[in-house]
Amino acid sequence: MERLDQERAPIYEALERFGKMRVVPFDVPGHKRGRGNPELARLLGEKCVSMDVNSMKPLDNLCHPISVIRDAEILAARAFGAAHAFLMVGGTTSAVQSMVLSVAKRGEKIILPRNVHRSVMGAMVLCGAVPVYVNPECDDRLGIPLGMSVEAVKQAVRENPDAKAILVNNPTYYGICSDLKAIVEVAHSNGMLCLADEAHGTHFYFSEELPVSAMAAGADMAAVSMHKSGGSLTQSSLLLAGPAMQEGHVRQIINLTQTTSGSYLLLSSLDISRRNLALRGEEAFKRVAELARYARREINAIGGYYAYSKELINGDSVYDFDETKLSVNTLDVGLAGIEVYDLLRDEYDIQIEFGDLGNILAYLSIGDRPREVERLVSALAEIRRRYERDPAGMMKQEYIDPEVAVSPQEAFYADKESLPIMETDGRICSEFVMCYPPGIPILAPGERITKDILNYIQYAKEKGCSMTGPEDAAIERLNVLK
């Protein structure tokens, strides 16, 4: 194999070579380089549709890579400090699910925080693993779940010595980081693996000023959303693995659910984005962090809003904070985060990442510029001036300790009945309920429904949160176990 270095982009280079060959396509996709779908070609451009091709010998095969995709994965592993890297075209949902399925089987336990993404719970429905929750501490002022306390993790390990792995968010959606190195040590000293959901932590690998990355902390696997802060196309992701994981086994797990028709648009975007980050990431993310610090100062100067950062660090449940996350608490303005989110979009043409009951998140990455941040700051100032209310009676985004009655898989596939949502108090839920984004379940299959949870759902609906999960799209009925 020729010498690999980070200036190369093997998949992109192979596509460029292929484009010059004038190959006649009697294979899929059926649009045949865009000729069969001229509207699509006009929308995306000739270059784009010409690169939407099928797996073939010159371009390798994602299910069993032996040439250019293999080279791209080796480059990615080196760039991210991993033993192995797998290119994923089903989003970080697919990477998270492959990570969980690689380490746990039916009836086996995984220790994890309850504020995980729906993809983690979905993996447990698929494989039958059983969650053991380390309930996170909450910040009373902000109403957000924090990280996992190391002592709480140790307690969960003592009570569940047969657990197979510990899963950690690195960071949470809001930028909160647990003491990942210490949790890795707890896992390994007890014969467990440590997994990291790094959907929002791609940039950790390219800056010493930011919190530690999962691979640097010694974690065994990490799911990394390259399409979020890393700049690749939506739905493209990486699954990283450390030396304790068998590459062939992980590949087999991935191939259970990942498409056999991997998109070369997504694969080449991963390849090019990895090259960009490896060569220019440190400088780029330094600018992002500086931009976020500037935005925080300006937002906090408005009054009412609280753009929080490293002052939350307490050495344990907030071990570190991702400064690139522009998380803003809105409750003192008398507005729920989702209300500010809607106002920004509807009145100011500004689309932020999400709003919950008490916070908004403006996602900053390598593509942002100061002028857009200034527009956001001025819009927030005007929203305060026009819409500020008395904050009395505002509900915080509470973390409600779940009661797990049965495993997610057992509940999801059990005999069930549909009831009006407010009549389900005390019953066991068989489906998901969540605000999306951020996609953290309020209820997951197998959890007992309580009045507090129902009141929370009702309030979130009234405030305009985008609720998803149940079969009933109106979220007026819930499926519960018979």
Protein backbone atom coordinates (compact mmCIF):
# COMPACT_ATOMS: atom_id res chain seq x y z
CA MET A 1 0.00 0.00 0.00
CA GLU A 2 1.31 3.43 -0.90
CA ARG A 3 2.30 5.80 1.86
CA LEU A 4 -0.69 7.34 3.61
CA ASP A 5 -0.65 10.89 4.90
CA GLN A 6 -3.30 13.37 5.97
CA GLU A 7 -2.99 15.47 2.80
CA ARG A 8 -4.58 12.65 0.83
CA ALA A 9 -8.30 11.98 0.30
CA PRO A 10 -8.35 8.49 -1.27
CA ILE A 11 -12.10 8.25 -1.94
CA TYR A 12 -12.32 11.70 -3.47
CA GLU A 13 -9.21 11.02 -5.57
CA ALA A 14 -10.72 7.74 -6.82
CA LEU A 15 -13.95 9.52 -7.77
CA GLU A 16 -11.95 12.15 -9.69
CA ARG A 17 -10.11 9.39 -11.59
CA PHE A 18 -13.37 7.57 -12.26
CA GLY A 19 -15.00 10.74 -13.59
CA LYS A 20 -12.33 10.99 -16.31
CA MET A 21 -12.88 7.42 -17.53
CA ARG A 22 -16.20 8.08 -19.35
CA VAL A 23 -17.59 4.72 -18.16
CA VAL A 24 -20.98 3.75 -19.63
CA PRO A 25 -23.27 2.98 -16.66
CA PHE A 26 -25.34 -0.20 -16.87
CA ASP A 27 -25.59 -0.32 -13.09
CA VAL A 28 -27.47 1.58 -10.42
CA PRO A 29 -28.35 4.33 -9.51
CA GLY A 30 -31.02 4.57 -12.18
CA HIS A 31 -30.69 8.30 -12.81
CA LYS A 32 -27.50 7.42 -14.77
CA ARG A 33 -25.33 10.38 -13.77
CA GLY A 34 -28.39 12.64 -13.70
CA ARG A 35 -29.56 12.07 -17.31
CA GLY A 36 -32.72 10.30 -16.17
CA ASN A 37 -33.70 13.00 -13.69
CA PRO A 38 -32.91 16.43 -15.14
CA GLU A 39 -34.69 18.32 -12.33
CA LEU A 40 -32.44 16.59 -9.79
CA ALA A 41 -29.38 17.44 -11.87
CA ARG A 42 -30.42 21.09 -12.01
CA LEU A 43 -31.00 21.18 -8.26
CA LEU A 44 -27.77 19.49 -7.20
CA GLY A 45 -25.54 20.24 -10.18
CA GLU A 46 -23.93 17.97 -12.77
CA LYS A 47 -20.82 17.44 -10.65
CA CYS A 48 -22.85 16.15 -7.71
CA VAL A 49 -25.07 13.69 -9.60
CA SER A 50 -22.12 12.42 -11.62
CA MET A 51 -20.44 11.40 -8.34
CA ASP A 52 -23.54 9.59 -7.06
CA VAL A 53 -22.33 6.17 -8.17
CA ASN A 54 -22.51 2.54 -7.15
CA SER A 55 -19.81 0.45 -5.46
CA MET A 56 -17.40 -1.07 -7.97
CA LYS A 57 -13.81 -2.30 -8.03
CA PRO A 58 -12.17 1.09 -8.70
CA LEU A 59 -14.20 2.67 -5.86
CA ASP A 60 -14.11 -0.16 -3.26
CA ASN A 61 -17.06 -1.43 -1.20
CA LEU A 62 -18.15 -0.04 2.17
CA CYS A 63 -19.26 -3.45 3.47
CA HIS A 64 -15.83 -5.00 2.87
CA PRO A 65 -13.31 -2.26 2.13
CA ILE A 66 -9.96 -3.34 0.71
CA SER A 67 -8.68 -0.32 -1.23
CA VAL A 68 -9.65 3.37 -1.26
CA ILE A 69 -12.29 3.18 1.49
CA ARG A 70 -9.88 1.12 3.56
CA ASP A 71 -7.19 3.76 3.03
CA ALA A 72 -9.62 6.51 4.05
CA GLU A 73 -10.51 4.62 7.23
CA ILE A 74 -6.84 4.18 8.14
CA LEU A 75 -6.28 7.92 7.63
CA ALA A 76 -9.30 8.69 9.80
CA ALA A 77 -8.06 6.37 12.55
CA ARG A 78 -4.70 8.14 12.55
CA ALA A 79 -6.27 11.60 12.53
CA PHE A 80 -8.50 10.76 15.49
CA GLY A 81 -5.96 8.70 17.46
CA ALA A 82 -7.97 5.47 17.16
CA ALA A 83 -6.93 1.90 16.44
CA HIS A 84 -9.73 1.56 13.89
CA ALA A 85 -12.19 3.93 12.18
CA PHE A 86 -15.33 3.01 10.28
CA LEU A 87 -17.02 5.35 7.79
CA MET A 88 -20.74 5.50 8.57
CA VAL A 89 -23.46 6.67 6.15
CA GLY A 90 -26.46 6.15 8.46
CA GLY A 91 -25.69 9.09 10.68
CA THR A 92 -24.35 8.96 14.21
CA THR A 93 -27.54 7.10 15.12
CA SER A 94 -26.13 4.18 13.12
CA ALA A 95 -22.70 4.60 14.72
CA VAL A 96 -24.16 4.67 18.26
CA GLN A 97 -26.30 1.63 17.59
CA SER A 98 -23.37 -0.32 16.13
CA MET A 99 -21.32 0.64 19.18
CA VAL A 100 -23.95 -0.69 21.61
CA LEU A 101 -24.64 -3.82 19.53
CA SER A 102 -20.90 -4.57 19.46
CA VAL A 103 -20.63 -4.89 23.24
CA ALA A 104 -23.94 -6.17 24.61
CA LYS A 105 -26.40 -8.97 23.92
CA ARG A 106 -29.89 -9.73 25.15
CA GLY A 107 -30.16 -9.41 28.93
CA GLU A 108 -26.71 -7.87 29.37
CA LYS A 109 -26.37 -4.53 31.17
CA ILE A 110 -24.94 -1.20 30.10
CA ILE A 111 -24.39 1.58 32.66
CA LEU A 112 -25.33 4.97 31.23
CA PRO A 113 -26.85 8.37 32.01
CA ARG A 114 -30.57 8.74 31.36
CA ASN A 115 -30.04 11.85 29.20
CA VAL A 116 -28.80 9.79 26.25
CA HIS A 117 -29.91 10.24 22.66
CA ARG A 118 -32.80 8.12 21.38
CA SER A 119 -30.34 6.09 19.28
CA VAL A 120 -28.89 4.50 22.44
CA MET A 121 -32.32 3.38 23.61
CA GLY A 122 -33.14 2.24 20.08
CA ALA A 123 -30.06 0.00 20.14
CA MET A 124 -31.30 -1.55 23.38
CA VAL A 125 -34.67 -2.27 21.78
CA LEU A 126 -32.80 -4.01 18.95
CA CYS A 127 -30.37 -6.11 20.97
CA GLY A 128 -32.24 -6.58 24.25
CA ALA A 129 -29.58 -5.02 26.47
CA VAL A 130 -30.77 -3.64 29.81
CA PRO A 131 -30.04 -0.04 30.85
CA VAL A 132 -28.67 0.72 34.31
CA TYR A 133 -29.13 4.45 34.78
CA VAL A 134 -26.77 6.76 36.59
CA ASN A 135 -29.19 9.61 37.18
CA PRO A 136 -27.35 12.86 36.44
CA GLU A 137 -27.29 15.75 38.84
CA CYS A 138 -29.23 18.81 37.68
CA ASP A 139 -28.41 22.50 37.71
CA ASP A 140 -31.32 24.09 39.58
CA ARG A 141 -30.99 27.46 37.89
CA LEU A 142 -30.67 26.15 34.34
CA GLY A 143 -32.86 23.08 34.65
CA ILE A 144 -30.42 20.98 32.62
CA PRO A 145 -28.99 17.54 33.39
CA LEU A 146 -25.26 17.60 34.12
CA GLY A 147 -22.66 14.89 33.63
CA MET A 148 -22.16 11.62 35.49
CA SER A 149 -20.54 11.86 38.92
CA VAL A 150 -17.60 9.44 39.18
CA GLU A 151 -18.84 8.27 42.58
CA ALA A 152 -22.29 7.58 41.11
CA VAL A 153 -20.64 5.53 38.35
CA LYS A 154 -18.62 3.57 40.94
CA GLN A 155 -21.82 2.90 42.89
CA ALA A 156 -23.55 1.60 39.75
CA VAL A 157 -20.55 -0.65 39.05
CA ARG A 158 -20.61 -2.02 42.62
CA GLU A 159 -24.31 -2.78 42.29
CA ASN A 160 -23.97 -4.22 38.77
CA PRO A 161 -20.57 -5.93 38.56
CA ASP A 162 -21.84 -8.01 35.61
CA ALA A 163 -22.43 -4.94 33.39
CA LYS A 164 -20.61 -5.10 30.06
CA ALA A 165 -19.94 -1.42 29.47
CA ILE A 166 -20.32 2.17 30.64
CA LEU A 167 -21.59 4.72 28.12
CA VAL A 168 -20.82 8.44 28.49
CA ASN A 169 -22.00 11.56 26.63
CA ASN A 170 -18.90 13.54 25.63
CA PRO A 171 -20.19 16.27 25.70
CA THR A 172 -23.93 16.63 26.31
CA TYR A 173 -25.95 18.75 23.88
CA TYR A 174 -25.44 21.70 26.26
CA GLY A 175 -21.64 21.31 26.39
CA ILE A 176 -21.30 19.53 29.75
CA CYS A 177 -18.47 16.97 30.08
CA SER A 178 -18.05 14.25 32.69
CA ASP A 179 -14.63 13.13 33.98
CA LEU A 180 -14.15 10.76 31.09
CA LYS A 181 -10.62 9.61 31.99
CA ALA A 182 -11.73 8.64 35.50
CA ILE A 183 -14.80 6.81 34.17
CA VAL A 184 -12.63 4.91 31.67
CA GLU A 185 -10.40 3.83 34.56
CA VAL A 186 -13.42 2.68 36.58
CA ALA A 187 -14.69 0.67 33.59
CA HIS A 188 -11.38 -0.98 32.77
CA SER A 189 -10.50 -1.81 36.37
CA ASN A 190 -13.81 -3.66 36.61
CA GLY A 191 -13.51 -5.56 33.35
CA MET A 192 -15.94 -3.32 31.47
CA LEU A 193 -15.64 -1.40 28.24
CA CYS A 194 -16.17 2.36 28.00
CA LEU A 195 -18.20 3.83 25.12
CA ALA A 196 -18.61 7.51 24.26
CA ASP A 197 -21.40 9.21 22.38
CA GLU A 198 -19.40 12.05 20.80
CA ALA A 199 -22.12 13.27 18.46
CA HIS A 200 -21.27 16.79 19.61
CA GLY A 201 -17.55 16.36 20.22
CA THR A 202 -15.82 15.99 16.84
CA HIS A 203 -13.77 19.13 17.50
CA PHE A 204 -12.30 17.72 20.74
CA TYR A 205 -9.84 15.76 18.59
CA PHE A 206 -8.33 18.88 17.08
CA SER A 207 -7.80 21.30 19.95
CA GLU A 208 -5.86 21.10 23.19
CA GLU A 209 -7.93 24.00 24.55
CA LEU A 210 -11.12 21.90 24.48
CA PRO A 211 -12.13 18.93 26.68
CA VAL A 212 -10.41 15.58 26.24
CA SER A 213 -11.59 13.36 23.39
CA ALA A 214 -12.77 9.80 23.97
CA MET A 215 -9.81 8.16 22.23
CA ALA A 216 -7.32 10.34 24.13
CA ALA A 217 -9.08 9.38 27.38
CA GLY A 218 -8.69 5.68 26.59
CA ALA A 219 -12.31 4.86 25.71
CA ASP A 220 -12.92 1.69 23.72
CA MET A 221 -15.40 3.08 21.19
CA ALA A 222 -16.74 6.49 20.18
CA ALA A 223 -19.47 7.60 17.78
CA VAL A 224 -18.41 10.90 16.19
CA SER A 225 -20.79 13.19 14.25
CA MET A 226 -18.52 14.52 11.53
CA HIS A 227 -21.51 16.25 9.94
CA LYS A 228 -22.15 18.40 13.03
CA SER A 229 -19.07 20.36 13.99
CA GLY A 230 -16.77 18.59 11.52
CA GLY A 231 -18.21 19.95 8.29
CA SER A 232 -19.09 16.79 6.33
CA LEU A 233 -22.47 16.22 4.67
CA THR A 234 -25.53 15.53 6.81
CA GLN A 235 -25.86 11.85 7.77
CA SER A 236 -22.13 11.09 7.52
CA SER A 237 -20.35 9.96 10.67
CA LEU A 238 -17.43 7.98 12.09
CA LEU A 239 -17.29 5.06 14.49
CA LEU A 240 -13.93 4.94 16.26
CA ALA A 241 -12.54 1.95 18.13
CA GLY A 242 -9.61 1.40 20.46
CA PRO A 243 -7.21 -1.56 20.50
CA ALA A 244 -9.46 -3.71 22.74
CA MET A 245 -12.10 -3.98 20.00
CA GLN A 246 -11.87 -6.59 17.24
CA GLU A 247 -12.14 -4.76 13.94
CA GLY A 248 -13.75 -7.68 12.10
CA HIS A 249 -16.42 -8.15 14.77
CA VAL A 250 -17.36 -4.45 14.73
CA ARG A 251 -17.54 -4.52 10.92
CA GLN A 252 -19.92 -7.48 11.08
CA ILE A 253 -22.15 -5.61 13.52
CA ILE A 254 -22.17 -2.51 11.31
CA ASN A 255 -23.11 -4.63 8.29
CA LEU A 256 -26.20 -5.97 10.08
CA THR A 257 -27.96 -2.63 9.64
CA GLN A 258 -25.91 -0.30 7.40
CA THR A 259 -26.86 -0.03 3.75
CA THR A 260 -24.99 -2.06 1.13
CA SER A 261 -25.32 0.98 -1.16
CA GLY A 262 -23.10 3.47 0.63
CA SER A 263 -23.41 6.98 -0.83
CA TYR A 264 -20.15 8.17 -2.36
CA LEU A 265 -21.30 11.74 -1.78
CA LEU A 266 -21.33 11.02 1.96
CA LEU A 267 -18.16 8.91 1.89
CA SER A 268 -16.17 11.50 -0.06
CA SER A 269 -17.43 14.25 2.26
CA LEU A 270 -16.10 12.29 5.24
CA ASP A 271 -12.78 11.82 3.47
CA ILE A 272 -12.42 15.50 2.54
CA SER A 273 -13.61 16.73 5.96
CA ARG A 274 -11.15 14.49 7.76
CA ARG A 275 -8.36 15.94 5.61
CA ASN A 276 -9.57 19.48 6.32
CA LEU A 277 -9.67 18.91 10.08
CA ALA A 278 -6.34 17.10 10.19
CA LEU A 279 -4.63 19.93 8.31
CA ARG A 280 -6.53 22.98 9.56
CA GLY A 281 -8.76 21.85 12.44
CA GLU A 282 -6.71 23.23 15.32
CA GLU A 283 -6.68 26.73 13.85
CA ALA A 284 -10.36 26.50 12.80
CA PHE A 285 -11.69 25.40 16.17
CA LYS A 286 -9.60 28.03 17.95
CA ARG A 287 -11.57 30.59 15.91
CA VAL A 288 -14.87 28.87 16.76
CA ALA A 289 -14.09 28.98 20.49
CA GLU A 290 -13.11 32.67 20.26
CA LEU A 291 -16.33 33.43 18.38
CA ALA A 292 -18.38 31.63 21.03
CA ARG A 293 -16.65 33.54 23.84
CA TYR A 294 -17.38 36.82 22.05
CA ALA A 295 -21.04 35.82 21.55
CA ARG A 296 -21.36 34.86 25.22
CA ARG A 297 -20.04 38.23 26.40
CA GLU A 298 -22.42 40.11 24.11
CA ILE A 299 -25.47 38.01 25.06
CA ASN A 300 -24.79 38.28 28.79
CA ALA A 301 -24.49 42.07 28.38
CA ILE A 302 -28.07 42.24 27.07
CA GLY A 303 -29.47 41.28 30.48
CA GLY A 304 -32.01 38.56 31.27
CA TYR A 305 -30.27 35.89 29.21
CA TYR A 306 -27.54 33.70 30.68
CA ALA A 307 -25.01 32.27 28.23
CA TYR A 308 -23.14 29.83 30.45
CA SER A 309 -19.66 28.36 30.18
CA LYS A 310 -16.71 27.19 32.25
CA GLU A 311 -17.97 28.88 35.44
CA LEU A 312 -20.24 25.80 35.80
CA ILE A 313 -17.23 23.51 36.28
CA ASN A 314 -17.30 21.78 39.67
CA GLY A 315 -14.68 19.07 39.17
CA ASP A 316 -17.15 16.21 38.99
CA SER A 317 -20.63 16.33 37.40
CA VAL A 318 -19.37 19.28 35.36
CA TYR A 319 -15.76 18.21 34.96
CA ASP A 320 -15.25 20.37 31.88
CA PHE A 321 -17.26 22.51 29.47
CA ASP A 322 -17.17 22.76 25.68
CA GLU A 323 -16.72 26.47 25.04
CA THR A 324 -17.88 26.17 21.42
CA LYS A 325 -21.42 25.40 22.62
CA LEU A 326 -23.43 28.62 22.73
CA SER A 327 -26.04 27.46 25.25
CA VAL A 328 -28.28 30.24 26.59
CA ASN A 329 -30.80 30.11 29.44
CA THR A 330 -33.90 32.21 28.70
CA LEU A 331 -36.08 31.82 31.80
CA ASP A 332 -35.24 35.22 33.35
CA VAL A 333 -36.62 36.87 30.20
CA GLY A 334 -39.93 35.12 30.97
CA LEU A 335 -39.73 33.04 27.78
CA ALA A 336 -39.26 29.32 27.33
CA GLY A 337 -36.31 28.39 25.14
CA ILE A 338 -38.67 26.98 22.52
CA GLU A 339 -40.50 30.34 22.40
CA VAL A 340 -37.23 32.17 21.70
CA TYR A 341 -36.37 29.49 19.12
CA ASP A 342 -39.68 30.11 17.31
CA LEU A 343 -39.33 33.91 17.47
CA LEU A 344 -35.81 33.81 16.05
CA ARG A 345 -36.97 31.72 13.10
CA ASP A 346 -40.36 33.35 12.44
CA GLU A 347 -39.48 37.01 13.09
CA TYR A 348 -35.75 37.19 12.31
CA ASP A 349 -35.03 34.36 9.84
CA ILE A 350 -32.46 32.87 12.24
CA GLN A 351 -32.51 29.08 12.60
CA ILE A 352 -30.83 27.87 15.78
CA GLU A 353 -30.25 24.25 16.75
CA PHE A 354 -32.96 23.83 19.36
CA GLY A 355 -34.99 25.35 22.15
CA ASP A 356 -36.26 23.44 25.17
CA LEU A 357 -38.28 24.66 28.15
CA GLY A 358 -35.52 26.89 29.53
CA ASN A 359 -32.63 27.05 27.06
CA ILE A 360 -31.62 27.59 23.46
CA LEU A 361 -28.55 26.29 21.66
CA ALA A 362 -26.96 28.16 18.79
CA TYR A 363 -24.57 25.69 17.16
CA LEU A 364 -21.25 27.25 16.16
CA SER A 365 -18.83 25.46 13.85
CA ILE A 366 -16.11 25.99 11.28
CA GLY A 367 -18.55 27.68 8.87
CA ASP A 368 -19.64 30.56 11.13
CA ARG A 369 -18.56 34.20 10.83
CA PRO A 370 -18.77 37.16 13.25
CA ARG A 371 -21.45 38.94 11.19
CA GLU A 372 -23.96 36.09 11.76
CA VAL A 373 -23.21 36.06 15.48
CA GLU A 374 -23.80 39.83 15.63
CA ARG A 375 -27.15 39.32 13.90
CA LEU A 376 -28.11 36.67 16.48
CA VAL A 377 -27.09 38.91 19.40
CA SER A 378 -29.08 41.89 18.09
CA ALA A 379 -32.13 39.66 17.49
CA LEU A 380 -31.97 38.34 21.07
CA ALA A 381 -31.74 41.91 22.39
CA GLU A 382 -34.78 42.91 20.38
CA ILE A 383 -36.73 39.82 21.48
CA ARG A 384 -36.07 40.77 25.09
CA ARG A 385 -37.25 44.34 24.46
CA ARG A 386 -40.41 43.26 22.61
CA TYR A 387 -41.46 40.09 24.40
CA GLU A 388 -40.00 40.03 27.92
CA ARG A 389 -42.49 38.79 30.56
CA ASP A 390 -42.60 38.13 34.27
CA PRO A 391 -40.81 34.76 34.71
CA ALA A 392 -43.14 33.70 37.53
CA GLY A 393 -44.74 30.33 36.79
CA MET A 394 -42.17 29.27 34.17
CA MET A 395 -41.39 25.55 34.30
CA LYS A 396 -37.76 24.52 34.16
CA GLN A 397 -36.65 21.63 32.03
CA GLU A 398 -36.68 19.16 34.86
CA TYR A 399 -34.86 15.88 34.93
CA ILE A 400 -37.30 13.25 36.20
CA ASP A 401 -35.76 10.05 37.55
CA PRO A 402 -37.19 7.17 35.52
CA GLU A 403 -38.50 3.94 36.99
CA VAL A 404 -37.46 1.11 34.65
CA ALA A 405 -40.08 -1.62 35.02
CA VAL A 406 -39.05 -3.89 32.11
CA SER A 407 -36.29 -3.86 29.48
CA PRO A 408 -36.75 -1.55 26.46
CA GLN A 409 -36.92 -4.52 24.08
CA GLU A 410 -39.49 -6.41 26.14
CA ALA A 411 -41.71 -3.32 26.44
CA PHE A 412 -41.40 -2.31 22.77
CA TYR A 413 -42.52 -5.71 21.49
CA ALA A 414 -45.03 -6.53 24.27
CA ASP A 415 -48.81 -6.69 23.86
CA LYS A 416 -50.02 -3.14 24.29
CA GLU A 417 -53.07 -0.91 24.28
CA SER A 418 -53.58 2.70 23.28
CA LEU A 419 -54.94 5.10 25.92
CA PRO A 420 -55.56 8.85 26.08
CA ILE A 421 -52.26 10.25 27.33
CA MET A 422 -53.62 11.73 30.56
CA GLU A 423 -55.11 8.32 31.51
CA THR A 424 -51.77 6.50 31.47
CA ASP A 425 -50.53 7.45 34.96
CA GLY A 426 -48.98 4.40 36.60
CA ARG A 427 -48.85 2.33 33.41
CA ILE A 428 -45.69 1.09 31.66
CA CYS A 429 -44.86 2.90 28.43
CA SER A 430 -44.08 0.83 25.33
CA GLU A 431 -42.82 3.61 23.05
CA PHE A 432 -40.68 6.75 23.03
CA VAL A 433 -41.78 10.31 23.77
CA MET A 434 -39.27 13.12 23.24
CA CYS A 435 -38.75 16.68 22.12
CA TYR A 436 -36.68 16.65 18.92
CA PRO A 437 -34.17 18.14 18.88
CA PRO A 438 -32.41 17.33 21.19
CA GLY A 439 -33.88 13.80 20.92
CA ILE A 440 -33.41 12.82 24.57
CA PRO A 441 -36.40 10.66 25.56
CA ILE A 442 -38.83 11.98 28.16
CA LEU A 443 -40.23 8.45 28.21
CA ALA A 444 -38.60 5.31 26.84
CA PRO A 445 -40.08 1.82 26.40
CA GLY A 446 -40.26 -0.03 29.72
CA GLU A 447 -40.51 3.06 31.95
CA ARG A 448 -43.41 3.72 34.32
CA ILE A 449 -45.48 6.79 33.50
CA THR A 450 -46.04 9.28 36.34
CA LYS A 451 -48.10 12.43 36.84
CA ASP A 452 -44.91 14.54 36.83
CA ILE A 453 -43.96 13.15 33.42
CA LEU A 454 -47.45 13.72 32.02
CA ASN A 455 -47.51 17.31 33.30
CA TYR A 456 -44.09 17.89 31.74
CA ILE A 457 -45.26 16.54 28.36
CA GLN A 458 -48.41 18.66 28.50
CA TYR A 459 -46.44 21.83 29.30
CA ALA A 460 -43.87 21.13 26.56
CA LYS A 461 -46.68 20.68 24.02
CA GLU A 462 -48.34 23.93 25.11
CA LYS A 463 -45.06 25.84 24.70
CA GLY A 464 -44.63 24.49 21.17
CA CYS A 465 -41.91 21.86 21.59
CA SER A 466 -41.70 19.51 18.61
CA MET A 467 -42.78 16.22 20.17
CA THR A 468 -41.97 12.94 18.43
CA GLY A 469 -41.85 9.21 19.14
CA PRO A 470 -45.33 7.76 19.65
CA GLU A 471 -47.42 6.06 16.97
CA ASP A 472 -50.01 8.79 17.50
CA ALA A 473 -48.49 11.79 15.72
CA ALA A 474 -50.69 14.20 17.69
CA ILE A 475 -49.25 12.84 20.98
CA GLU A 476 -52.77 12.59 22.39
CA ARG A 477 -52.58 8.85 23.00
CA LEU A 478 -49.82 6.56 24.30
CA ASN A 479 -49.22 2.85 23.87
CA VAL A 480 -48.87 1.11 27.23
CA LEU A 481 -48.40 -2.50 28.27
CA LYS A 482 -51.60 -4.46 28.80
